[in-house]
Amino acid sequence: MRRVSSDRIIALAMLTPSVIAIAIFVYGFIGFTGFSSFTNWNSLVPDFSTVGWRNYERLFSAIPTDRFLLDLRNTVSFTILFLIACIVLGFLLAVLLDQRVKGEGIFRSIFLFPMAISFIVTGVVWRWLLNPGTVQTGSSGVNLLFEKIGLGFLRWGWFTDPTIWHIKPDTGLGQFLVGIGLDGIASPYFGVPVAIFSLVIAATWQMSGYTMAMFLAGLRGIPEELREAARVDGANEIQIYRHVIIPLLQPITLSAVIVLGHISLKIFDLVVSMTGPGPAFATDVPAFFMWDTTFRGNNFAQGAAIATILLVSVAVLIVPYLINTMRTEAEL
């Protein structure tokens, strides 16, 4: 009994400093940020007089700025495109490597290599590659490559393109939406900024290898007997993947969506190093807006409100997944 008690005391003594540090520097600061979002602290001098929900109301209103609404549009567009691109590309790469190709280890290392660098480096490199050039200097990067190989018609403005793909009110669908009172959908707020594709390409290049590794591990964990049984029943390879393999990979897909989703919701470093807010805030995101508002504008309460919304959005995505995972482990 004395031995057990002493071991418990030693364990508590080892864990207590970490618990205290996490309580102060994680949850304490989260609580302070949430409290600050309800104050009037919008200068270098702290002002903790409460203003209720005013900071949140300003974010979701077009007065004095609608930047946050545009950021939400950009985040939704980026998240959807990023998830689709990473999952599809990662799955296809995993399927190819699962064929036991010669030099599999080399290819696997090449696909995983982008994860060894930070989003800052990725942003700088892809900013060079996707720099469209100017009229005075001519094309550069990928556009210059298109010209050299005779595909000049593929030249694009990339992250400098201010175009917003959206449903226009003067089209048939737009007139229908206006007629049923949904004219708000037929506006740039519900469109997809063309410039956001540059961020999607760069982020997919870095994270598709991670998705590939997840799917490859899942594929290698599926017993070969299941595939053989499907072949005996007359299924071809496409049907095997559609009816056998892909359903078994659903937990892997869900995990990939959760991991990639929380990365896309709080993306910041890639935007800072690659595009900034972009033309007409076409590549602006809430995290960049929060940093700009807090440390450039000294509007600390407004920045705290943006940070709190980001925290809630990430928690809405991750917390249900964690609860479901813990329940599944408890049942096992």
Protein backbone atom coordinates (compact mmCIF):
# COMPACT_ATOMS: atom_id res chain seq x y z
CA MET A 1 0.00 0.00 0.00
CA ARG A 2 2.83 2.39 0.83
CA ARG A 3 4.46 1.61 -2.51
CA VAL A 4 1.23 2.35 -4.39
CA SER A 5 0.73 5.60 -2.46
CA SER A 6 4.27 6.79 -3.14
CA ASP A 7 3.94 6.00 -6.87
CA ARG A 8 0.68 7.94 -6.98
CA ILE A 9 2.28 10.92 -5.25
CA ILE A 10 5.22 10.89 -7.67
CA ALA A 11 2.85 10.70 -10.65
CA LEU A 12 0.79 13.61 -9.34
CA ALA A 13 3.94 15.62 -8.67
CA MET A 14 5.12 15.05 -12.24
CA LEU A 15 1.76 15.90 -13.81
CA THR A 16 0.78 18.89 -11.68
CA PRO A 17 3.13 21.48 -13.34
CA SER A 18 1.86 20.50 -16.80
CA VAL A 19 -1.76 20.64 -15.68
CA ILE A 20 -1.26 24.08 -14.15
CA ALA A 21 0.57 25.37 -17.25
CA ILE A 22 -2.18 24.09 -19.57
CA ALA A 23 -4.89 25.54 -17.31
CA ILE A 24 -3.25 28.97 -17.39
CA PHE A 25 -1.71 29.27 -20.84
CA VAL A 26 -4.39 27.41 -22.82
CA TYR A 27 -7.76 27.48 -21.11
CA GLY A 28 -7.02 30.63 -19.14
CA PHE A 29 -6.10 32.56 -22.27
CA ILE A 30 -9.10 31.13 -24.11
CA GLY A 31 -11.32 32.41 -21.34
CA PHE A 32 -9.58 35.80 -21.39
CA THR A 33 -10.04 36.04 -25.16
CA GLY A 34 -13.72 35.23 -24.83
CA PHE A 35 -14.12 37.86 -22.11
CA SER A 36 -12.23 40.45 -24.18
CA SER A 37 -14.62 39.96 -27.09
CA PHE A 38 -17.40 41.46 -24.95
CA THR A 39 -15.41 44.55 -23.96
CA ASN A 40 -14.63 47.93 -25.51
CA TRP A 41 -10.87 47.25 -25.74
CA ASN A 42 -10.19 48.79 -29.15
CA SER A 43 -6.99 50.73 -28.50
CA LEU A 44 -3.55 50.21 -27.01
CA VAL A 45 -4.97 51.16 -23.62
CA PRO A 46 -7.06 48.26 -22.18
CA ASP A 47 -10.72 49.07 -21.69
CA PHE A 48 -12.64 46.22 -20.06
CA SER A 49 -16.01 47.96 -19.96
CA THR A 50 -18.51 45.49 -21.38
CA VAL A 51 -20.45 46.21 -24.57
CA GLY A 52 -22.43 42.99 -24.86
CA TRP A 53 -22.60 41.40 -28.32
CA ARG A 54 -21.70 44.59 -30.18
CA ASN A 55 -18.36 43.27 -31.51
CA TYR A 56 -20.06 40.18 -32.93
CA GLU A 57 -22.91 42.20 -34.43
CA ARG A 58 -20.43 44.43 -36.26
CA LEU A 59 -18.78 41.38 -37.83
CA PHE A 60 -22.01 40.05 -39.32
CA SER A 61 -23.34 43.37 -40.54
CA ALA A 62 -22.39 45.24 -43.69
CA ILE A 63 -21.79 48.38 -41.61
CA PRO A 64 -19.09 49.54 -41.18
CA THR A 65 -17.45 46.71 -43.15
CA ASP A 66 -18.54 43.48 -44.79
CA ARG A 67 -15.04 42.01 -44.80
CA PHE A 68 -15.89 39.25 -42.34
CA LEU A 69 -18.79 38.09 -44.51
CA LEU A 70 -16.42 37.87 -47.47
CA ASP A 71 -13.97 35.94 -45.29
CA LEU A 72 -16.65 33.40 -44.45
CA ARG A 73 -17.40 33.00 -48.15
CA ASN A 74 -13.71 32.46 -48.88
CA THR A 75 -13.33 29.96 -46.04
CA VAL A 76 -16.30 27.88 -47.18
CA SER A 77 -15.04 27.92 -50.79
CA PHE A 78 -11.49 27.03 -49.78
CA THR A 79 -12.60 24.27 -47.39
CA ILE A 80 -14.87 22.53 -49.90
CA LEU A 81 -12.35 22.68 -52.76
CA PHE A 82 -9.41 21.74 -50.50
CA LEU A 83 -11.19 18.71 -49.01
CA ILE A 84 -12.34 17.41 -52.39
CA ALA A 85 -8.92 17.87 -53.99
CA CYS A 86 -6.95 16.29 -51.12
CA ILE A 87 -9.26 13.31 -50.65
CA VAL A 88 -9.58 12.51 -54.36
CA LEU A 89 -5.87 12.98 -55.13
CA GLY A 90 -4.76 11.22 -51.95
CA PHE A 91 -7.02 8.25 -52.64
CA LEU A 92 -5.83 7.92 -56.24
CA LEU A 93 -2.17 8.05 -55.17
CA ALA A 94 -2.83 5.44 -52.49
CA VAL A 95 -4.53 3.15 -55.02
CA LEU A 96 -1.55 3.46 -57.36
CA LEU A 97 0.96 2.67 -54.61
CA ASP A 98 -1.19 -0.21 -53.42
CA GLN A 99 -0.45 -1.98 -56.71
CA ARG A 100 3.02 -2.84 -55.33
CA VAL A 101 4.77 -0.80 -58.00
CA LYS A 102 8.53 -0.97 -58.30
CA GLY A 103 10.22 1.75 -56.29
CA GLU A 104 7.19 2.22 -54.06
CA GLY A 105 9.31 3.54 -51.20
CA ILE A 106 10.77 6.29 -53.40
CA PHE A 107 7.36 7.40 -54.65
CA ARG A 108 5.93 7.32 -51.14
CA SER A 109 8.76 9.54 -49.89
CA ILE A 110 8.27 11.97 -52.79
CA PHE A 111 4.54 12.27 -52.10
CA LEU A 112 5.15 12.81 -48.37
CA PHE A 113 8.03 15.25 -48.82
CA PRO A 114 5.85 18.43 -48.95
CA MET A 115 4.72 17.72 -45.39
CA ALA A 116 8.32 18.21 -44.21
CA ILE A 117 8.12 21.94 -44.96
CA SER A 118 5.92 24.62 -43.45
CA PHE A 119 3.02 26.45 -45.06
CA ILE A 120 5.21 29.57 -45.07
CA VAL A 121 7.72 27.92 -47.40
CA THR A 122 4.92 26.43 -49.49
CA GLY A 123 3.32 29.86 -49.85
CA VAL A 124 6.56 31.53 -50.93
CA VAL A 125 7.34 28.85 -53.53
CA TRP A 126 3.84 28.79 -55.00
CA ARG A 127 3.73 32.58 -55.03
CA TRP A 128 6.74 32.46 -57.35
CA LEU A 129 5.25 29.70 -59.49
CA LEU A 130 1.81 31.31 -59.83
CA ASN A 131 3.00 34.87 -60.25
CA PRO A 132 1.24 35.85 -63.50
CA GLY A 133 3.75 38.56 -64.37
CA THR A 134 2.98 42.03 -65.70
CA VAL A 135 2.53 43.71 -69.04
CA GLN A 136 5.92 45.38 -68.68
CA THR A 137 7.91 42.31 -67.61
CA GLY A 138 5.89 39.68 -69.45
CA SER A 139 4.67 36.36 -68.14
CA SER A 140 6.45 34.48 -65.38
CA GLY A 141 6.14 31.24 -63.46
CA VAL A 142 3.56 28.78 -64.74
CA ASN A 143 2.25 31.28 -67.28
CA LEU A 144 5.71 31.51 -68.84
CA LEU A 145 5.84 27.71 -69.01
CA PHE A 146 2.49 27.69 -70.83
CA GLU A 147 3.86 30.14 -73.37
CA LYS A 148 7.04 28.13 -73.95
CA ILE A 149 5.13 24.90 -74.71
CA GLY A 150 2.56 26.56 -76.93
CA LEU A 151 -0.30 26.68 -74.41
CA GLY A 152 -0.43 30.43 -74.00
CA PHE A 153 -4.23 30.35 -73.99
CA LEU A 154 -4.02 28.77 -70.52
CA ARG A 155 -2.43 31.89 -69.02
CA TRP A 156 -4.32 33.03 -65.95
CA GLY A 157 -4.24 35.80 -63.38
CA TRP A 158 -4.09 33.24 -60.54
CA PHE A 159 -4.18 34.97 -57.14
CA THR A 160 -4.42 38.41 -58.78
CA ASP A 161 -7.72 37.60 -60.52
CA PRO A 162 -10.60 39.50 -58.83
CA THR A 163 -13.33 37.49 -60.59
CA ILE A 164 -16.09 35.99 -58.44
CA TRP A 165 -18.02 33.08 -59.90
CA HIS A 166 -21.61 33.48 -58.72
CA ILE A 167 -25.20 33.20 -59.85
CA LYS A 168 -26.06 36.43 -61.63
CA PRO A 169 -29.54 37.92 -61.14
CA ASP A 170 -30.04 38.42 -64.88
CA THR A 171 -29.73 34.68 -65.63
CA GLY A 172 -32.59 32.21 -65.60
CA LEU A 173 -31.56 30.65 -62.29
CA GLY A 174 -30.90 34.08 -60.82
CA GLN A 175 -34.36 35.33 -61.81
CA PHE A 176 -35.90 32.20 -60.29
CA LEU A 177 -34.10 32.78 -56.99
CA VAL A 178 -35.18 36.41 -56.98
CA GLY A 179 -38.74 35.36 -57.70
CA ILE A 180 -38.91 33.06 -54.66
CA GLY A 181 -37.27 35.58 -52.36
CA LEU A 182 -33.77 34.08 -52.36
CA ASP A 183 -32.17 36.95 -54.21
CA GLY A 184 -29.38 37.03 -51.61
CA ILE A 185 -27.96 33.80 -53.04
CA ALA A 186 -27.60 35.47 -56.44
CA SER A 187 -24.79 37.70 -55.19
CA PRO A 188 -20.99 37.62 -54.92
CA TYR A 189 -21.33 36.75 -51.21
CA PHE A 190 -22.35 33.23 -52.25
CA GLY A 191 -19.85 32.93 -55.08
CA VAL A 192 -16.42 31.35 -55.45
CA PRO A 193 -13.43 33.71 -55.86
CA VAL A 194 -11.20 32.64 -58.73
CA ALA A 195 -8.12 33.73 -56.76
CA ILE A 196 -8.89 31.13 -54.07
CA PHE A 197 -7.89 28.34 -56.49
CA SER A 198 -4.25 29.36 -56.09
CA LEU A 199 -4.44 28.71 -52.35
CA VAL A 200 -6.22 25.40 -52.97
CA ILE A 201 -3.48 24.24 -55.35
CA ALA A 202 -0.71 25.09 -52.89
CA ALA A 203 -2.48 23.57 -49.87
CA THR A 204 -3.39 20.41 -51.80
CA TRP A 205 0.21 19.99 -52.93
CA GLN A 206 1.33 20.00 -49.29
CA MET A 207 -1.42 17.90 -47.68
CA SER A 208 -2.39 15.36 -50.36
CA GLY A 209 0.60 13.20 -49.38
CA TYR A 210 -0.71 13.01 -45.82
CA THR A 211 -4.11 11.91 -47.13
CA MET A 212 -2.38 9.37 -49.36
CA ALA A 213 -0.59 7.87 -46.35
CA MET A 214 -3.87 7.54 -44.45
CA PHE A 215 -5.64 5.83 -47.34
CA LEU A 216 -2.65 3.60 -48.08
CA ALA A 217 -2.62 2.39 -44.47
CA GLY A 218 -6.34 1.68 -44.77
CA LEU A 219 -5.91 -0.20 -48.04
CA ARG A 220 -3.10 -2.32 -46.61
CA GLY A 221 -5.34 -3.17 -43.67
CA ILE A 222 -8.11 -4.66 -45.84
CA PRO A 223 -7.72 -8.47 -46.04
CA GLU A 224 -6.93 -9.76 -49.51
CA GLU A 225 -9.52 -12.49 -48.96
CA LEU A 226 -12.31 -9.92 -49.30
CA ARG A 227 -11.06 -8.88 -52.73
CA GLU A 228 -10.65 -12.47 -53.84
CA ALA A 229 -14.18 -13.29 -52.68
CA ALA A 230 -15.53 -10.35 -54.69
CA ARG A 231 -13.62 -11.50 -57.77
CA VAL A 232 -15.03 -15.00 -57.38
CA ASP A 233 -18.51 -13.47 -57.33
CA GLY A 234 -17.78 -11.85 -60.70
CA ALA A 235 -16.96 -8.30 -59.61
CA ASN A 236 -14.43 -6.34 -61.64
CA GLU A 237 -11.83 -4.03 -60.08
CA ILE A 238 -14.00 -0.92 -60.29
CA GLN A 239 -16.89 -2.73 -58.60
CA ILE A 240 -14.54 -4.05 -55.91
CA TYR A 241 -13.40 -0.55 -55.06
CA ARG A 242 -16.92 0.85 -55.22
CA HIS A 243 -18.74 -1.81 -53.17
CA VAL A 244 -16.00 -3.28 -50.97
CA ILE A 245 -12.97 -1.07 -50.48
CA ILE A 246 -14.43 2.44 -50.41
CA PRO A 247 -17.12 1.55 -47.81
CA LEU A 248 -14.43 0.00 -45.60
CA LEU A 249 -12.38 3.20 -45.89
CA GLN A 250 -15.16 5.43 -44.53
CA PRO A 251 -13.51 5.80 -41.08
CA ILE A 252 -10.28 6.85 -42.81
CA THR A 253 -12.17 9.33 -44.96
CA LEU A 254 -13.91 10.80 -41.92
CA SER A 255 -10.59 11.19 -40.10
CA ALA A 256 -9.10 12.91 -43.16
CA VAL A 257 -12.06 15.29 -43.36
CA ILE A 258 -11.70 16.20 -39.68
CA VAL A 259 -7.94 16.81 -39.86
CA LEU A 260 -8.01 18.69 -43.16
CA GLY A 261 -11.18 20.55 -42.21
CA HIS A 262 -9.73 22.07 -39.05
CA ILE A 263 -6.58 23.04 -40.98
CA SER A 264 -8.64 24.83 -43.63
CA LEU A 265 -10.82 26.65 -41.09
CA LYS A 266 -7.85 28.24 -39.33
CA ILE A 267 -5.52 28.62 -42.33
CA PHE A 268 -3.29 31.65 -41.86
CA ASP A 269 0.40 31.16 -42.67
CA LEU A 270 -0.22 30.08 -46.27
CA VAL A 271 -2.35 33.17 -46.90
CA VAL A 272 0.20 35.50 -45.31
CA SER A 273 3.14 34.20 -47.33
CA MET A 274 1.35 33.66 -50.63
CA THR A 275 -1.49 36.07 -51.35
CA GLY A 276 -2.42 38.28 -48.42
CA PRO A 277 -6.04 39.47 -48.51
CA GLY A 278 -5.97 39.46 -52.32
CA PRO A 279 -7.88 41.69 -54.73
CA ALA A 280 -11.15 42.85 -53.12
CA PHE A 281 -10.44 40.45 -50.22
CA ALA A 282 -10.75 37.49 -52.63
CA THR A 283 -8.26 35.40 -50.62
CA ASP A 284 -8.81 36.91 -47.20
CA VAL A 285 -9.70 34.51 -44.37
CA PRO A 286 -10.92 35.03 -40.78
CA ALA A 287 -7.53 34.20 -39.23
CA PHE A 288 -5.78 36.83 -41.36
CA PHE A 289 -8.56 39.33 -40.61
CA MET A 290 -8.16 38.61 -36.90
CA TRP A 291 -4.41 39.23 -37.03
CA ASP A 292 -4.89 42.37 -39.13
CA THR A 293 -7.58 43.74 -36.82
CA THR A 294 -5.73 42.98 -33.60
CA PHE A 295 -2.10 43.79 -34.33
CA ARG A 296 -2.40 46.36 -37.09
CA GLY A 297 -5.62 48.09 -36.13
CA ASN A 298 -5.20 47.64 -32.35
CA ASN A 299 -8.88 46.65 -32.16
CA PHE A 300 -8.28 43.93 -29.59
CA ALA A 301 -11.91 43.30 -28.67
CA GLN A 302 -12.92 42.95 -32.32
CA GLY A 303 -9.99 40.60 -32.93
CA ALA A 304 -10.96 38.57 -29.87
CA ALA A 305 -14.48 38.19 -31.29
CA ILE A 306 -13.07 36.84 -34.56
CA ALA A 307 -10.78 34.46 -32.65
CA THR A 308 -13.71 33.21 -30.58
CA ILE A 309 -15.77 32.52 -33.69
CA LEU A 310 -12.82 30.60 -35.16
CA LEU A 311 -12.52 28.55 -31.98
CA VAL A 312 -16.23 27.72 -32.00
CA SER A 313 -16.16 26.72 -35.69
CA VAL A 314 -13.22 24.37 -35.14
CA ALA A 315 -14.84 22.94 -32.00
CA VAL A 316 -18.09 22.27 -33.87
CA LEU A 317 -16.08 20.18 -36.32
CA ILE A 318 -13.78 18.35 -33.90
CA VAL A 319 -15.70 17.87 -30.63
CA PRO A 320 -18.44 15.57 -32.07
CA TYR A 321 -15.71 13.48 -33.72
CA LEU A 322 -13.81 13.15 -30.43
CA ILE A 323 -16.97 12.20 -28.54
CA ASN A 324 -17.84 9.56 -31.13
CA THR A 325 -14.28 8.21 -31.04
CA MET A 326 -14.30 7.90 -27.24
CA ARG A 327 -17.67 6.15 -27.29
CA THR A 328 -16.42 3.69 -29.91
CA GLU A 329 -13.28 2.93 -27.88
CA ALA A 330 -15.37 2.47 -24.73
CA GLU A 331 -17.63 -0.04 -26.51
CA LEU A 332 -14.59 -1.99 -27.68
